[in-house]
Amino acid sequence: MITTMAGRFGLAIPALALAGRLASQRTRPRSVGAVPSEGGTFVCIVLGTALLVGALTYFPVLALGPVVEQLMRAR
């Protein structure tokens, strides 16, 4: 019981403290290197990143599937 409480609150309390510290900071003016998050460019970057990470996650399985299938038939 004590271990469960320490595991739950031991991570939640520092996370909430960090969130409070970040929320209390003043906003900074937009700089030259900032990407605006309300345009189509931002949407394209986010979707492209999601598709790229998803493809790189599943590519090894898709590429090695036929290899493993041929090895299983050889037996």
Protein backbone atom coordinates (compact mmCIF):
# COMPACT_ATOMS: atom_id res chain seq x y z
CA MET A 1 0.00 0.00 0.00
CA ILE A 2 2.77 2.44 0.89
CA THR A 3 4.76 1.40 -2.16
CA THR A 4 1.75 1.98 -4.41
CA MET A 5 1.15 5.43 -2.93
CA ALA A 6 4.83 6.32 -3.29
CA GLY A 7 4.84 5.13 -6.88
CA ARG A 8 1.77 7.12 -7.83
CA PHE A 9 2.37 10.32 -5.91
CA GLY A 10 6.14 10.15 -6.23
CA LEU A 11 5.80 10.83 -9.94
CA ALA A 12 2.63 12.95 -9.90
CA ILE A 13 3.84 15.59 -7.44
CA PRO A 14 7.06 16.51 -9.33
CA ALA A 15 5.13 16.50 -12.63
CA LEU A 16 2.53 18.89 -11.22
CA ALA A 17 5.26 21.09 -9.76
CA LEU A 18 7.00 21.27 -13.13
CA ALA A 19 3.69 22.05 -14.88
CA GLY A 20 2.99 24.82 -12.38
CA ARG A 21 6.42 26.31 -12.88
CA LEU A 22 6.04 26.26 -16.67
CA ALA A 23 2.52 27.73 -16.48
CA SER A 24 3.68 30.62 -14.32
CA GLN A 25 6.29 31.79 -16.81
CA ARG A 26 5.59 34.87 -18.88
CA THR A 27 5.04 34.44 -22.59
CA ARG A 28 7.85 35.53 -24.85
CA PRO A 29 7.45 37.36 -28.14
CA ARG A 30 7.68 35.28 -31.29
CA SER A 31 11.22 35.07 -32.66
CA VAL A 32 12.44 34.62 -36.21
CA GLY A 33 13.05 30.88 -35.75
CA ALA A 34 9.57 30.10 -34.42
CA VAL A 35 7.14 28.11 -36.58
CA PRO A 36 3.60 29.51 -36.36
CA SER A 37 1.18 26.83 -35.17
CA GLU A 38 -1.95 28.15 -36.85
CA GLY A 39 -1.05 27.65 -40.50
CA GLY A 40 -1.04 24.84 -42.99
CA THR A 41 2.72 24.48 -42.78
CA PHE A 42 2.51 23.39 -39.17
CA VAL A 43 -0.19 20.84 -39.98
CA CYS A 44 1.92 19.43 -42.82
CA ILE A 45 4.98 19.17 -40.58
CA VAL A 46 3.05 17.37 -37.83
CA LEU A 47 1.32 14.96 -40.23
CA GLY A 48 4.54 14.30 -42.11
CA THR A 49 6.38 13.55 -38.89
CA ALA A 50 3.62 11.21 -37.71
CA LEU A 51 3.60 9.35 -41.02
CA LEU A 52 7.39 9.11 -41.11
CA VAL A 53 7.64 7.76 -37.56
CA GLY A 54 4.80 5.30 -38.23
CA ALA A 55 6.45 4.11 -41.44
CA LEU A 56 9.81 3.67 -39.75
CA THR A 57 8.12 1.72 -36.97
CA TYR A 58 6.41 -0.78 -39.28
CA PHE A 59 8.97 -0.96 -42.10
CA PRO A 60 11.24 -3.59 -40.48
CA VAL A 61 8.27 -5.90 -39.89
CA LEU A 62 6.99 -5.46 -43.43
CA ALA A 63 10.45 -5.96 -44.90
CA LEU A 64 11.39 -9.01 -42.82
CA GLY A 65 8.00 -10.74 -43.03
CA PRO A 66 8.66 -12.41 -46.40
CA VAL A 67 12.18 -13.37 -45.31
CA VAL A 68 10.89 -15.16 -42.22
CA GLU A 69 8.15 -16.80 -44.27
CA GLN A 70 10.70 -18.23 -46.69
CA LEU A 71 12.84 -19.46 -43.81
CA MET A 72 9.82 -21.20 -42.28
CA ARG A 73 9.01 -22.92 -45.59
CA ALA A 74 12.58 -24.18 -45.94
CA ARG A 75 12.22 -26.45 -42.95
